[in-house]
């Protein structure tokens, strides 16, 4: 009889441990998903900032290139007129 009681006690303790482990796993899973979401948002914001910076530099380059082309065309037109 004592052995059966010990077995029941151990089964109860194992069930309690299993419940605690399941709760810990759920908590860890939620924490992981939350941290991944924060990291993805951070990466998204970094990419947006990078793309805006690249766009700004491309626009500046295009403007300078356009100005250089116009200046070169004017020099070429002057030489043609000579």
PDB file of N, CA and C in Angstrom:
ATOM      1  N   UNK A   1       0.820  -1.199   0.000  1.00  0.00           N
ATOM      2  CA  UNK A   1       0.000   0.000   0.000  1.00  0.00           C
ATOM      3  C   UNK A   1       0.865   1.265   0.000  1.00  0.00           C
ATOM      4  N   UNK A   2       1.904   1.233   0.770  1.00  0.00           N
ATOM      5  CA  UNK A   2       2.789   2.396   0.845  1.00  0.00           C
ATOM      6  C   UNK A   2       3.436   2.670  -0.514  1.00  0.00           C
ATOM      7  N   UNK A   3       3.771   1.625  -1.235  1.00  0.00           N
ATOM      8  CA  UNK A   3       4.376   1.781  -2.560  1.00  0.00           C
ATOM      9  C   UNK A   3       3.406   2.449  -3.528  1.00  0.00           C
ATOM     10  N   UNK A   4       2.143   2.078  -3.484  1.00  0.00           N
ATOM     11  CA  UNK A   4       1.128   2.686  -4.349  1.00  0.00           C
ATOM     12  C   UNK A   4       0.974   4.175  -4.022  1.00  0.00           C
ATOM     13  N   UNK A   5       1.014   4.513  -2.758  1.00  0.00           N
ATOM     14  CA  UNK A   5       0.901   5.922  -2.346  1.00  0.00           C
ATOM     15  C   UNK A   5       2.114   6.720  -2.830  1.00  0.00           C
ATOM     16  N   UNK A   6       3.280   6.120  -2.728  1.00  0.00           N
ATOM     17  CA  UNK A   6       4.499   6.795  -3.218  1.00  0.00           C
ATOM     18  C   UNK A   6       4.425   6.988  -4.731  1.00  0.00           C
ATOM     19  N   UNK A   7       3.924   5.973  -5.434  1.00  0.00           N
ATOM     20  CA  UNK A   7       3.779   6.078  -6.896  1.00  0.00           C
ATOM     21  C   UNK A   7       2.803   7.192  -7.237  1.00  0.00           C
ATOM     22  N   UNK A   8       1.679   7.255  -6.529  1.00  0.00           N
ATOM     23  CA  UNK A   8       0.686   8.315  -6.778  1.00  0.00           C
ATOM     24  C   UNK A   8       1.280   9.691  -6.469  1.00  0.00           C
ATOM     25  N   UNK A   9       2.050   9.770  -5.393  1.00  0.00           N
ATOM     26  CA  UNK A   9       2.695  11.039  -5.021  1.00  0.00           C
ATOM     27  C   UNK A   9       3.682  11.460  -6.109  1.00  0.00           C
ATOM     28  N   UNK A  10       4.473  10.510  -6.575  1.00  0.00           N
ATOM     29  CA  UNK A  10       5.436  10.826  -7.638  1.00  0.00           C
ATOM     30  C   UNK A  10       4.730  11.219  -8.930  1.00  0.00           C
ATOM     31  N   UNK A  11       3.637  10.530  -9.261  1.00  0.00           N
ATOM     32  CA  UNK A  11       2.876  10.896 -10.467  1.00  0.00           C
ATOM     33  C   UNK A  11       2.325  12.315 -10.345  1.00  0.00           C
ATOM     34  N   UNK A  12       1.814  12.651  -9.152  1.00  0.00           N
ATOM     35  CA  UNK A  12       1.290  14.000  -8.916  1.00  0.00           C
ATOM     36  C   UNK A  12       2.406  15.037  -9.056  1.00  0.00           C
ATOM     37  N   UNK A  13       3.567  14.743  -8.470  1.00  0.00           N
ATOM     38  CA  UNK A  13       4.696  15.667  -8.572  1.00  0.00           C
ATOM     39  C   UNK A  13       5.164  15.817 -10.019  1.00  0.00           C
ATOM     40  N   UNK A  14       5.198  14.714 -10.739  1.00  0.00           N
ATOM     41  CA  UNK A  14       5.587  14.775 -12.158  1.00  0.00           C
ATOM     42  C   UNK A  14       4.592  15.598 -12.964  1.00  0.00           C
ATOM     43  N   UNK A  15       3.312  15.447 -12.673  1.00  0.00           N
ATOM     44  CA  UNK A  15       2.282  16.222 -13.371  1.00  0.00           C
ATOM     45  C   UNK A  15       2.462  17.713 -13.071  1.00  0.00           C
ATOM     46  N   UNK A  16       2.740  18.039 -11.809  1.00  0.00           N
ATOM     47  CA  UNK A  16       2.966  19.440 -11.439  1.00  0.00           C
ATOM     48  C   UNK A  16       4.198  20.000 -12.157  1.00  0.00           C
ATOM     49  N   UNK A  17       5.251  19.199 -12.217  1.00  0.00           N
ATOM     50  CA  UNK A  17       6.466  19.626 -12.928  1.00  0.00           C
ATOM     51  C   UNK A  17       6.170  19.830 -14.408  1.00  0.00           C
ATOM     52  N   UNK A  18       5.388  18.932 -14.985  1.00  0.00           N
ATOM     53  CA  UNK A  18       5.039  19.056 -16.404  1.00  0.00           C
ATOM     54  C   UNK A  18       4.258  20.339 -16.664  1.00  0.00           C
ATOM     55  N   UNK A  19       3.328  20.654 -15.755  1.00  0.00           N
ATOM     56  CA  UNK A  19       2.539  21.885 -15.905  1.00  0.00           C
ATOM     57  C   UNK A  19       3.440  23.108 -15.819  1.00  0.00           C
ATOM     58  N   UNK A  20       4.367  23.113 -14.845  1.00  0.00           N
ATOM     59  CA  UNK A  20       5.303  24.233 -14.698  1.00  0.00           C
ATOM     60  C   UNK A  20       6.169  24.361 -15.950  1.00  0.00           C
ATOM     61  N   UNK A  21       6.649  23.237 -16.474  1.00  0.00           N
ATOM     62  CA  UNK A  21       7.485  23.273 -17.686  1.00  0.00           C
ATOM     63  C   UNK A  21       6.689  23.773 -18.894  1.00  0.00           C
ATOM     64  N   UNK A  22       5.432  23.354 -19.009  1.00  0.00           N
ATOM     65  CA  UNK A  22       4.604  23.836 -20.119  1.00  0.00           C
ATOM     66  C   UNK A  22       4.388  25.345 -20.026  1.00  0.00           C
ATOM     67  N   UNK A  23       4.132  25.827 -18.809  1.00  0.00           N
ATOM     68  CA  UNK A  23       3.966  27.276 -18.619  1.00  0.00           C
ATOM     69  C   UNK A  23       5.255  28.024 -18.964  1.00  0.00           C
ATOM     70  N   UNK A  24       6.383  27.468 -18.529  1.00  0.00           N
ATOM     71  CA  UNK A  24       7.673  28.103 -18.828  1.00  0.00           C
ATOM     72  C   UNK A  24       7.923  28.120 -20.333  1.00  0.00           C
ATOM     73  N   UNK A  25       7.567  27.029 -20.994  1.00  0.00           N
ATOM     74  CA  UNK A  25       7.742  26.962 -22.448  1.00  0.00           C
ATOM     75  C   UNK A  25       6.858  27.975 -23.166  1.00  0.00           C
ATOM     76  N   UNK A  26       5.615  28.101 -22.716  1.00  0.00           N
ATOM     77  CA  UNK A  26       4.710  29.094 -23.319  1.00  0.00           C
ATOM     78  C   UNK A  26       5.253  30.506 -23.113  1.00  0.00           C
ATOM     79  N   UNK A  27       5.709  30.781 -21.892  1.00  0.00           N
ATOM     80  CA  UNK A  27       6.265  32.107 -21.586  1.00  0.00           C
ATOM     81  C   UNK A  27       7.494  32.389 -22.443  1.00  0.00           C
ATOM     82  N   UNK A  28       8.377  31.402 -22.553  1.00  0.00           N
ATOM     83  CA  UNK A  28       9.587  31.574 -23.366  1.00  0.00           C
ATOM     84  C   UNK A  28       9.217  31.775 -24.833  1.00  0.00           C
ATOM     85  N   UNK A  29       8.228  31.034 -25.302  1.00  0.00           N
ATOM     86  CA  UNK A  29       7.791  31.187 -26.696  1.00  0.00           C
ATOM     87  C   UNK A  29       7.246  32.579 -26.968  1.00  0.00           C
ATOM     88  N   UNK A  30       6.420  33.068 -26.056  1.00  0.00           N
ATOM     89  CA  UNK A  30       5.865  34.420 -26.213  1.00  0.00           C
ATOM     90  C   UNK A  30       6.972  35.466 -26.179  1.00  0.00           C
ATOM     91  N   UNK A  31       7.913  35.287 -25.269  1.00  0.00           N
ATOM     92  CA  UNK A  31       9.031  36.220 -25.174  1.00  0.00           C
ATOM     93  C   UNK A  31       9.850  36.210 -26.459  1.00  0.00           C
ATOM     94  N   UNK A  32      10.102  35.024 -26.992  1.00  0.00           N
ATOM     95  CA  UNK A  32      10.865  34.907 -28.235  1.00  0.00           C
ATOM     96  C   UNK A  32      10.151  35.613 -29.382  1.00  0.00           C
ATOM     97  N   UNK A  33       8.860  35.349 -29.517  1.00  0.00           N
ATOM     98  CA  UNK A  33       8.090  35.974 -30.598  1.00  0.00           C
ATOM     99  C   UNK A  33       8.106  37.493 -30.452  1.00  0.00           C
ATOM    100  N   UNK A  34       7.982  37.967 -29.218  1.00  0.00           N
ATOM    101  CA  UNK A  34       8.005  39.407 -28.964  1.00  0.00           C
ATOM    102  C   UNK A  34       9.361  40.011 -29.341  1.00  0.00           C
ATOM    103  N   UNK A  35      10.443  39.340 -28.941  1.00  0.00           N
ATOM    104  CA  UNK A  35      11.774  39.851 -29.256  1.00  0.00           C
ATOM    105  C   UNK A  35      12.045  39.821 -30.751  1.00  0.00           C
ATOM    106  N   UNK A  36      11.578  38.784 -31.430  1.00  0.00           N
ATOM    107  CA  UNK A  36      11.751  38.707 -32.885  1.00  0.00           C
ATOM    108  C   UNK A  36      10.974  39.839 -33.560  1.00  0.00           C
ATOM    109  N   UNK A  37       9.766  40.097 -33.087  1.00  0.00           N
ATOM    110  CA  UNK A  37       8.964  41.185 -33.661  1.00  0.00           C
ATOM    111  C   UNK A  37       9.666  42.528 -33.474  1.00  0.00           C
ATOM    112  N   UNK A  38      10.234  42.759 -32.289  1.00  0.00           N
ATOM    113  CA  UNK A  38      10.967  44.007 -32.054  1.00  0.00           C
ATOM    114  C   UNK A  38      12.185  44.114 -32.967  1.00  0.00           C
ATOM    115  N   UNK A  39      12.888  43.001 -33.132  1.00  0.00           N
ATOM    116  CA  UNK A  39      14.074  42.997 -33.999  1.00  0.00           C
ATOM    117  C   UNK A  39      13.671  43.265 -35.447  1.00  0.00           C
ATOM    118  N   UNK A  40      12.579  42.658 -35.882  1.00  0.00           N
ATOM    119  CA  UNK A  40      12.113  42.890 -37.257  1.00  0.00           C
ATOM    120  C   UNK A  40      11.719  44.345 -37.471  1.00  0.00           C
ATOM    121  N   UNK A  41      11.044  44.942 -36.483  1.00  0.00           N
ATOM    122  CA  UNK A  41      10.695  46.362 -36.580  1.00  0.00           C
ATOM    123  C   UNK A  41      11.947  47.221 -36.658  1.00  0.00           C
ATOM    124  N   UNK A  42      12.924  46.890 -35.841  1.00  0.00           N
ATOM    125  CA  UNK A  42      14.183  47.641 -35.850  1.00  0.00           C
ATOM    126  C   UNK A  42      14.867  47.522 -37.209  1.00  0.00           C
ATOM    127  N   UNK A  43      14.906  46.313 -37.743  1.00  0.00           N
ATOM    128  CA  UNK A  43      15.525  46.097 -39.058  1.00  0.00           C
ATOM    129  C   UNK A  43      14.743  46.840 -40.142  1.00  0.00           C
ATOM    130  N   UNK A  44      13.420  46.796 -40.051  1.00  0.00           N
ATOM    131  CA  UNK A  44      12.580  47.494 -41.030  1.00  0.00           C
ATOM    132  C   UNK A  44      12.882  48.994 -41.009  1.00  0.00           C
ATOM    133  N   UNK A  45      12.966  49.560 -39.804  1.00  0.00           N
ATOM    134  CA  UNK A  45      13.257  50.990 -39.683  1.00  0.00           C
ATOM    135  C   UNK A  45      14.657  51.323 -40.207  1.00  0.00           C
ATOM    136  N   UNK A  46      15.610  50.441 -39.937  1.00  0.00           N
ATOM    137  CA  UNK A  46      16.970  50.658 -40.439  1.00  0.00           C
ATOM    138  C   UNK A  46      16.998  50.619 -41.964  1.00  0.00           C
ATOM    139  N   UNK A  47      16.271  49.681 -42.538  1.00  0.00           N
ATOM    140  CA  UNK A  47      16.224  49.563 -44.002  1.00  0.00           C
ATOM    141  C   UNK A  47      15.558  50.789 -44.612  1.00  0.00           C
ATOM    142  N   UNK A  48      14.478  51.241 -43.999  1.00  0.00           N
ATOM    143  CA  UNK A  48      13.784  52.440 -44.503  1.00  0.00           C
ATOM    144  C   UNK A  48      14.725  53.641 -44.461  1.00  0.00           C
ATOM    145  N   UNK A  49      15.423  53.808 -43.342  1.00  0.00           N
ATOM    146  CA  UNK A  49      16.372  54.917 -43.213  1.00  0.00           C
ATOM    147  C   UNK A  49      17.465  54.810 -44.266  1.00  0.00           C
ATOM    148  N   UNK A  50      17.993  53.598 -44.455  1.00  0.00           N
ATOM    149  CA  UNK A  50      19.040  53.376 -45.456  1.00  0.00           C
ATOM    150  C   UNK A  50      18.532  53.708 -46.856  1.00  0.00           C
ATOM    151  N   UNK A  51      17.335  53.236 -47.189  1.00  0.00           N
ATOM    152  CA  UNK A  51      16.787  53.486 -48.522  1.00  0.00           C
ATOM    153  C   UNK A  51      16.550  54.985 -48.753  1.00  0.00           C
ATOM    154  N   UNK A  52      16.091  55.681 -47.727  1.00  0.00           N
ATOM    155  CA  UNK A  52      15.898  57.133 -47.857  1.00  0.00           C
ATOM    156  C   UNK A  52      17.234  57.828 -48.083  1.00  0.00           C
ATOM    157  N   UNK A  53      18.269  57.382 -47.385  1.00  0.00           N
ATOM    158  CA  UNK A  53      19.602  57.958 -47.548  1.00  0.00           C
ATOM    159  C   UNK A  53      20.141  57.687 -48.950  1.00  0.00           C
ATOM    160  N   UNK A  54      19.962  56.461 -49.427  1.00  0.00           N
ATOM    161  CA  UNK A  54      20.404  56.115 -50.784  1.00  0.00           C
ATOM    162  C   UNK A  54      19.649  56.968 -51.804  1.00  0.00           C
ATOM    163  N   UNK A  55      18.355  57.105 -51.624  1.00  0.00           N
ATOM    164  CA  UNK A  55      17.542  57.913 -52.540  1.00  0.00           C
ATOM    165  C   UNK A  55      18.040  59.357 -52.573  1.00  0.00           C
ATOM    166  N   UNK A  56      18.362  59.895 -51.400  1.00  0.00           N
ATOM    167  CA  UNK A  56      18.871  61.275 -51.322  1.00  0.00           C
ATOM    168  C   UNK A  56      20.181  61.408 -52.091  1.00  0.00           C
ATOM    169  N   UNK A  57      21.089  60.446 -51.893  1.00  0.00           N
ATOM    170  CA  UNK A  57      22.376  60.500 -52.587  1.00  0.00           C
ATOM    171  C   UNK A  57      22.205  60.326 -54.099  1.00  0.00           C
ATOM    172  N   UNK A  58      21.299  59.470 -54.506  1.00  0.00           N
ATOM    173  CA  UNK A  58      21.040  59.283 -55.939  1.00  0.00           C
ATOM    174  C   UNK A  58      20.490  60.565 -56.540  1.00  0.00           C
ATOM    175  N   UNK A  59      19.575  61.209 -55.838  1.00  0.00           N
ATOM    176  CA  UNK A  59      19.014  62.473 -56.341  1.00  0.00           C
ATOM    177  C   UNK A  59      20.098  63.544 -56.444  1.00  0.00           C
ATOM    178  N   UNK A  60      20.962  63.615 -55.430  1.00  0.00           N
ATOM    179  CA  UNK A  60      22.055  64.590 -55.475  1.00  0.00           C
ATOM    180  C   UNK A  60      22.997  64.288 -56.640  1.00  0.00           C
ATOM    181  N   UNK A  61      23.331  63.017 -56.829  1.00  0.00           N
ATOM    182  CA  UNK A  61      24.200  62.632 -57.935  1.00  0.00           C
ATOM    183  C   UNK A  61      23.562  62.995 -59.274  1.00  0.00           C
ATOM    184  N   UNK A  62      22.275  62.668 -59.414  1.00  0.00           N
ATOM    185  CA  UNK A  62      21.578  62.975 -60.669  1.00  0.00           C
ATOM    186  C   UNK A  62      21.563  64.462 -60.959  1.00  0.00           C
ATOM    187  N   UNK A  63      21.353  65.259 -59.921  1.00  0.00           N
ATOM    188  CA  UNK A  63      21.331  66.706 -60.119  1.00  0.00           C
ATOM    189  C   UNK A  63      22.713  67.221 -60.547  1.00  0.00           C
ATOM    190  N   UNK A  64      23.755  66.763 -59.872  1.00  0.00           N
ATOM    191  CA  UNK A  64      25.109  67.179 -60.244  1.00  0.00           C
ATOM    192  C   UNK A  64      25.474  66.678 -61.637  1.00  0.00           C
ATOM    193  N   UNK A  65      25.072  65.468 -61.951  1.00  0.00           N
ATOM    194  CA  UNK A  65      25.350  64.916 -63.270  1.00  0.00           C
ATOM    195  C   UNK A  65      24.629  65.721 -64.352  1.00  0.00           C
ATOM    196  N   UNK A  66      23.358  66.057 -64.074  1.00  0.00           N
ATOM    197  CA  UNK A  66      22.584  66.861 -65.030  1.00  0.00           C
ATOM    198  C   UNK A  66      23.249  68.220 -65.249  1.00  0.00           C
ATOM    199  N   UNK A  67      23.713  68.840 -64.151  1.00  0.00           N
ATOM    200  CA  UNK A  67      24.374  70.138 -64.270  1.00  0.00           C
ATOM    201  C   UNK A  67      25.669  70.004 -65.073  1.00  0.00           C
ATOM    202  N   UNK A  68      26.406  68.932 -64.851  1.00  0.00           N
ATOM    203  CA  UNK A  68      27.662  68.721 -65.584  1.00  0.00           C
ATOM    204  C   UNK A  68      27.385  68.485 -67.062  1.00  0.00           C
ATOM    205  N   UNK A  69      26.329  67.747 -67.372  1.00  0.00           N
ATOM    206  CA  UNK A  69      25.969  67.494 -68.773  1.00  0.00           C
ATOM    207  C   UNK A  69      25.578  68.794 -69.459  1.00  0.00           C
ATOM    208  N   UNK A  70      24.800  69.620 -68.777  1.00  0.00           N
ATOM    209  CA  UNK A  70      24.387  70.902 -69.358  1.00  0.00           C
ATOM    210  C   UNK A  70      25.613  71.781 -69.604  1.00  0.00           C
ATOM    211  N   UNK A  71      26.528  71.834 -68.625  1.00  0.00           N
ATOM    212  CA  UNK A  71      27.738  72.653 -68.786  1.00  0.00           C
ATOM    213  C   UNK A  71      28.578  72.128 -69.948  1.00  0.00           C
ATOM    214  N   UNK A  72      28.703  70.817 -70.057  1.00  0.00           N
ATOM    215  CA  UNK A  72      29.490  70.224 -71.147  1.00  0.00           C
ATOM    216  C   UNK A  72      28.837  70.511 -72.494  1.00  0.00           C
ATOM    217  N   UNK A  73      27.498  70.443 -72.539  1.00  0.00           N
ATOM    218  CA  UNK A  73      26.786  70.736 -73.788  1.00  0.00           C
ATOM    219  C   UNK A  73      27.009  72.191 -74.196  1.00  0.00           C
ATOM    220  N   UNK A  74      26.982  73.082 -73.210  1.00  0.00           N
ATOM    221  CA  UNK A  74      27.205  74.497 -73.522  1.00  0.00           C
ATOM    222  C   UNK A  74      28.617  74.711 -74.065  1.00  0.00           C
ATOM    223  N   UNK A  75      29.618  74.052 -73.463  1.00  0.00           N
ATOM    224  CA  UNK A  75      30.992  74.163 -73.965  1.00  0.00           C
ATOM    225  C   UNK A  75      31.096  73.590 -75.382  1.00  0.00           C
ATOM    226  N   UNK A  76      30.411  72.487 -75.615  1.00  0.00           N
ATOM    227  CA  UNK A  76      30.434  71.876 -76.935  1.00  0.00           C
ATOM    228  C   UNK A  76      29.771  72.786 -77.972  1.00  0.00           C
ATOM    229  N   UNK A  77      28.627  73.384 -77.574  1.00  0.00           N
ATOM    230  CA  UNK A  77      27.931  74.292 -78.487  1.00  0.00           C
ATOM    231  C   UNK A  77      28.804  75.503 -78.812  1.00  0.00           C
ATOM    232  N   UNK A  78      29.548  76.009 -77.818  1.00  0.00           N
ATOM    233  CA  UNK A  78      30.440  77.159 -78.062  1.00  0.00           C
ATOM    234  C   UNK A  78      31.518  76.773 -79.040  1.00  0.00           C
ATOM    235  N   UNK A  79      32.096  75.567 -78.881  1.00  0.00           N
ATOM    236  CA  UNK A  79      33.149  75.138 -79.803  1.00  0.00           C
ATOM    237  C   UNK A  79      32.605  74.939 -81.205  1.00  0.00           C
ATOM    238  N   UNK A  80      31.367  74.458 -81.307  1.00  0.00           N
ATOM    239  CA  UNK A  80      30.777  74.293 -82.637  1.00  0.00           C
ATOM    240  C   UNK A  80      30.573  75.637 -83.316  1.00  0.00           C
ATOM    241  N   UNK A  81      30.272  76.661 -82.523  1.00  0.00           N
ATOM    242  CA  UNK A  81      30.034  77.994 -83.075  1.00  0.00           C
ATOM    243  C   UNK A  81      31.307  78.697 -83.498  1.00  0.00           C
ATOM    244  N   UNK A  82      32.442  78.231 -83.068  1.00  0.00           N
ATOM    245  CA  UNK A  82      33.711  78.900 -83.395  1.00  0.00           C
ATOM    246  C   UNK A  82      34.113  78.660 -84.817  1.00  0.00           C
TER     247      UNK A  82
END
